[in-house]
Amino acid sequence: MNTIINEVLGWILITGTIISYTPQYYKIYQYKTSKGISEWMLIFGGVSCLFNVLASIEVNRKNIVNCNTNNNCYNIILPITQLSTPCLTGLIFYGMYVFYYNEVQPEKIKFHGQGFILLNGFVFLITFTINHVSYEFYNDYAISLIYSILSSIFCIIMWIPQIMTTYNTKEEGALSLISVFIHAVGCLITIIYQTLFNPEMLWVITSYAISFITEIGLVILCLYYKKNKKSNSMVFNILSNEHGP
């Protein structure tokens, strides 16, 4: 019964992650701009996801290597696949950001493609170093813990530029609040799923807990600016009518 629930929840989360990005993809396509979206948020988020997947692989390395038909490799790979989905959807998000980026956007929003290359190079360098140095004292859990900590650090860092961008522009722009909210709920479900069916991966879900808190905060911030903008617009209309002809 647990196996069936595990598989159902796993695929719901994978499907849900893809669906959660759909409003964001559509909004960028509709607006034909990436205004209001921080590129550094996308870059740091991608690095965080990558470290998270590496942590998941490391903590399950022995099970992956030794899995066979009797051990059911499918149930071992499914949680890792679920954690890998945000990497793919995030990469598509970044690709759309680049494609619809234009110079008409605010001066403070710049394209930093070099940062994407350098930070991903950093990930592979760190990965190689950790595995090489720890070869003689190999400990899957310890390495997974290091990757999880790095994932959490980048997860915290990623939302700083987005919050700053939203604060500066005083609007969500091309950022989809629906997508952010759904993703926050997905993070909460992921925490529950991984805790119930992969309790040894407690450190791996730390970044998801951070994402949930910060994304809900970002939604509240954007709604606050939207409410203020609406109120100011109503006041302006009232004043215009009072002083009109």
Protein backbone atom coordinates (compact mmCIF):
# COMPACT_ATOMS: atom_id res chain seq x y z
CA MET A 1 0.00 0.00 0.00
CA ASN A 2 2.85 2.40 0.89
CA THR A 3 4.50 1.60 -2.44
CA ILE A 4 1.34 2.51 -4.36
CA ILE A 5 0.93 5.76 -2.39
CA ASN A 6 4.62 6.51 -2.97
CA GLU A 7 4.26 6.10 -6.74
CA VAL A 8 1.01 8.07 -6.97
CA LEU A 9 2.35 10.99 -4.91
CA GLY A 10 5.63 10.93 -6.80
CA TRP A 11 3.95 11.30 -10.18
CA ILE A 12 1.48 13.87 -8.83
CA LEU A 13 4.45 15.97 -7.69
CA ILE A 14 6.25 15.58 -11.02
CA THR A 15 3.11 16.53 -12.95
CA GLY A 16 2.31 19.30 -10.49
CA THR A 17 5.78 20.83 -10.87
CA ILE A 18 5.37 20.98 -14.64
CA ILE A 19 1.84 22.42 -14.33
CA SER A 20 2.98 25.01 -11.75
CA TYR A 21 5.34 26.57 -14.31
CA THR A 22 2.68 26.72 -17.05
CA PRO A 23 1.15 30.06 -15.91
CA GLN A 24 4.67 31.53 -15.77
CA TYR A 25 5.56 30.32 -19.26
CA TYR A 26 2.28 31.68 -20.59
CA LYS A 27 2.65 35.08 -18.91
CA ILE A 28 6.15 35.63 -20.33
CA TYR A 29 4.90 34.54 -23.77
CA GLN A 30 1.86 36.84 -23.46
CA TYR A 31 3.84 39.88 -22.28
CA LYS A 32 6.75 39.17 -24.65
CA THR A 33 9.13 40.42 -21.96
CA SER A 34 10.89 39.19 -18.82
CA LYS A 35 10.44 42.48 -16.98
CA GLY A 36 10.08 42.06 -13.22
CA ILE A 37 11.93 38.74 -13.17
CA SER A 38 15.43 38.58 -11.69
CA GLU A 39 17.88 36.59 -13.77
CA TRP A 40 20.04 35.96 -10.71
CA MET A 41 17.02 34.35 -9.05
CA LEU A 42 16.81 31.91 -11.95
CA ILE A 43 20.56 31.21 -11.93
CA PHE A 44 20.86 30.68 -8.18
CA GLY A 45 17.65 28.64 -8.23
CA GLY A 46 19.05 26.35 -10.91
CA VAL A 47 22.24 25.81 -8.91
CA SER A 48 20.20 25.09 -5.77
CA CYS A 49 18.12 22.49 -7.64
CA LEU A 50 21.25 20.87 -9.06
CA PHE A 51 22.87 20.52 -5.64
CA ASN A 52 19.59 19.12 -4.33
CA VAL A 53 19.54 16.41 -6.99
CA LEU A 54 23.21 15.58 -6.28
CA ALA A 55 22.36 15.25 -2.59
CA SER A 56 19.53 12.87 -3.42
CA ILE A 57 21.78 10.75 -5.66
CA GLU A 58 24.54 10.59 -3.05
CA VAL A 59 22.30 9.50 -0.19
CA ASN A 60 20.84 6.76 -2.43
CA ARG A 61 24.08 5.83 -4.21
CA LYS A 62 24.40 2.33 -2.74
CA ASN A 63 20.74 1.53 -3.42
CA ILE A 64 21.10 2.77 -6.99
CA VAL A 65 24.27 0.76 -7.64
CA ASN A 66 22.94 -2.41 -6.04
CA CYS A 67 19.36 -2.18 -7.15
CA ASN A 68 17.88 -4.97 -9.22
CA THR A 69 14.48 -6.32 -10.12
CA ASN A 70 13.88 -7.64 -6.60
CA ASN A 71 14.83 -4.34 -4.95
CA ASN A 72 12.64 -2.43 -7.40
CA CYS A 73 14.88 0.26 -8.91
CA TYR A 74 11.78 2.14 -9.97
CA ASN A 75 10.89 3.07 -6.38
CA ILE A 76 14.47 4.23 -5.78
CA ILE A 77 14.70 6.35 -8.92
CA LEU A 78 11.21 7.92 -8.67
CA PRO A 79 12.00 10.28 -5.72
CA ILE A 80 15.20 11.37 -7.48
CA THR A 81 13.24 12.01 -10.67
CA GLN A 82 10.77 14.08 -8.66
CA LEU A 83 13.60 16.24 -7.32
CA SER A 84 15.08 16.55 -10.83
CA THR A 85 11.89 17.94 -12.39
CA PRO A 86 12.39 21.49 -10.98
CA CYS A 87 15.81 21.55 -12.69
CA LEU A 88 14.25 20.91 -16.09
CA THR A 89 11.32 23.29 -15.65
CA GLY A 90 13.65 25.95 -14.23
CA LEU A 91 15.95 25.61 -17.21
CA ILE A 92 13.02 26.16 -19.57
CA PHE A 93 12.04 29.21 -17.49
CA TYR A 94 15.56 30.61 -17.84
CA GLY A 95 15.52 29.92 -21.59
CA MET A 96 12.29 31.91 -21.97
CA TYR A 97 13.75 34.72 -19.86
CA VAL A 98 16.71 34.97 -22.24
CA PHE A 99 14.57 34.65 -25.37
CA TYR A 100 12.14 37.41 -24.35
CA TYR A 101 14.74 39.64 -22.73
CA ASN A 102 14.90 43.08 -24.33
CA GLU A 103 16.90 46.25 -23.77
CA VAL A 104 13.74 48.29 -23.19
CA GLN A 105 13.51 46.73 -19.75
CA PRO A 106 14.63 48.79 -16.72
CA GLU A 107 18.35 49.53 -16.68
CA LYS A 108 18.83 47.67 -13.40
CA ILE A 109 17.69 44.43 -15.03
CA LYS A 110 20.61 43.13 -17.06
CA PHE A 111 21.44 39.90 -18.82
CA HIS A 112 24.13 37.92 -16.98
CA GLY A 113 24.68 34.86 -19.15
CA GLN A 114 28.29 34.69 -17.94
CA GLY A 115 26.99 34.17 -14.39
CA PHE A 116 25.00 31.16 -15.53
CA ILE A 117 28.08 29.55 -17.07
CA LEU A 118 30.42 30.39 -14.17
CA LEU A 119 28.08 29.20 -11.43
CA ASN A 120 27.33 25.91 -13.15
CA GLY A 121 31.07 25.48 -13.66
CA PHE A 122 31.40 26.10 -9.93
CA VAL A 123 28.90 23.32 -9.22
CA PHE A 124 30.86 20.78 -11.24
CA LEU A 125 34.14 21.92 -9.67
CA ILE A 126 32.72 21.56 -6.16
CA THR A 127 31.24 18.17 -7.07
CA PHE A 128 34.56 16.89 -8.41
CA THR A 129 36.50 18.23 -5.42
CA ILE A 130 34.15 16.78 -2.80
CA ASN A 131 34.11 13.34 -4.43
CA HIS A 132 37.89 13.33 -5.01
CA VAL A 133 38.88 14.50 -1.51
CA SER A 134 36.45 12.17 0.22
CA TYR A 135 37.38 9.12 -1.86
CA GLU A 136 39.33 7.40 0.93
CA PHE A 137 36.81 8.33 3.61
CA TYR A 138 33.75 7.86 1.50
CA ASN A 139 30.49 8.56 3.31
CA ASP A 140 27.36 8.92 1.22
CA TYR A 141 25.38 10.66 3.93
CA ALA A 142 28.15 13.18 4.73
CA ILE A 143 28.53 14.14 1.05
CA SER A 144 24.74 14.37 0.67
CA LEU A 145 24.67 16.65 3.70
CA ILE A 146 27.29 18.97 2.14
CA TYR A 147 25.31 19.17 -1.11
CA SER A 148 22.09 19.83 0.81
CA ILE A 149 23.68 22.66 2.77
CA LEU A 150 24.97 24.21 -0.48
CA SER A 151 21.50 23.80 -2.01
CA SER A 152 19.92 25.55 0.97
CA ILE A 153 22.46 28.39 0.83
CA PHE A 154 21.75 29.05 -2.85
CA CYS A 155 18.03 28.69 -2.16
CA ILE A 156 18.22 31.50 0.39
CA ILE A 157 20.40 33.64 -1.88
CA MET A 158 18.20 33.18 -4.96
CA TRP A 159 15.21 35.04 -3.53
CA ILE A 160 17.19 38.11 -2.45
CA PRO A 161 17.60 39.52 -6.02
CA GLN A 162 13.97 38.70 -6.88
CA ILE A 163 12.64 40.42 -3.76
CA MET A 164 14.90 43.41 -4.52
CA THR A 165 13.64 43.51 -8.13
CA THR A 166 10.03 43.39 -6.97
CA TYR A 167 10.74 46.06 -4.34
CA ASN A 168 12.35 48.36 -6.93
CA THR A 169 9.65 47.95 -9.58
CA LYS A 170 6.77 47.85 -7.05
CA GLU A 171 5.01 45.24 -9.21
CA GLU A 172 5.29 41.61 -10.25
CA GLY A 173 5.74 42.44 -13.95
CA ALA A 174 6.05 39.24 -15.95
CA LEU A 175 6.38 37.20 -12.76
CA SER A 176 3.32 34.96 -12.39
CA LEU A 177 1.94 35.02 -8.83
CA ILE A 178 -0.20 32.00 -9.65
CA SER A 179 2.89 30.07 -10.63
CA VAL A 180 4.81 31.18 -7.54
CA PHE A 181 1.92 30.25 -5.23
CA ILE A 182 1.39 26.83 -6.84
CA HIS A 183 5.12 26.20 -6.62
CA ALA A 184 5.08 27.13 -2.92
CA VAL A 185 2.27 24.64 -2.30
CA GLY A 186 4.25 22.07 -4.30
CA CYS A 187 7.25 22.66 -2.04
CA LEU A 188 5.07 21.98 1.00
CA ILE A 189 3.74 18.75 -0.52
CA THR A 190 7.30 17.74 -1.48
CA ILE A 191 8.38 18.21 2.14
CA ILE A 192 5.57 15.93 3.30
CA TYR A 193 6.25 13.37 0.55
CA GLN A 194 10.00 13.16 1.07
CA THR A 195 9.59 13.08 4.87
CA LEU A 196 7.13 10.20 4.74
CA PHE A 197 8.79 8.07 2.07
CA ASN A 198 12.44 9.14 2.24
CA PRO A 199 13.07 10.03 5.91
CA GLU A 200 16.84 9.62 5.46
CA MET A 201 16.78 12.63 3.12
CA LEU A 202 15.74 15.16 5.77
CA TRP A 203 18.56 17.56 4.83
CA VAL A 204 17.62 17.34 1.17
CA ILE A 205 14.22 18.95 1.77
CA THR A 206 15.64 21.91 3.71
CA SER A 207 15.80 24.00 0.54
CA TYR A 208 12.13 23.21 -0.15
CA ALA A 209 11.16 24.51 3.30
CA ILE A 210 13.09 27.72 2.62
CA SER A 211 11.48 28.03 -0.82
CA PHE A 212 7.99 27.63 0.65
CA ILE A 213 8.52 30.42 3.19
CA THR A 214 10.18 32.86 0.79
CA GLU A 215 7.74 32.25 -2.08
CA ILE A 216 4.73 32.85 0.15
CA GLY A 217 6.46 36.04 1.35
CA LEU A 218 7.04 37.12 -2.26
CA VAL A 219 3.38 36.53 -3.15
CA ILE A 220 2.28 38.63 -0.16
CA LEU A 221 4.70 41.42 -1.17
CA CYS A 222 3.41 41.47 -4.77
CA LEU A 223 -0.22 41.46 -3.61
CA TYR A 224 0.57 44.35 -1.31
CA TYR A 225 1.99 46.40 -4.19
CA LYS A 226 -0.92 45.43 -6.40
CA LYS A 227 -3.41 46.56 -3.76
CA ASN A 228 -1.56 49.87 -3.29
CA LYS A 229 -1.44 50.44 -7.03
CA LYS A 230 -5.17 49.80 -7.31
CA SER A 231 -5.92 52.12 -4.38
CA ASN A 232 -3.74 54.88 -5.83
CA SER A 233 -5.44 54.48 -9.20
CA MET A 234 -8.89 54.81 -7.59
CA VAL A 235 -7.82 57.92 -5.67
CA PHE A 236 -6.40 59.44 -8.85
CA ASN A 237 -9.63 58.78 -10.74
CA ILE A 238 -11.72 60.34 -7.97
CA LEU A 239 -9.53 63.44 -7.86
CA SER A 240 -9.59 63.70 -11.65
CA ASN A 241 -13.40 63.59 -11.66
CA GLU A 242 -13.62 66.23 -8.91
CA HIS A 243 -11.37 68.65 -10.76
CA GLY A 244 -12.63 67.79 -14.18
CA PRO A 245 -14.76 70.02 -16.46
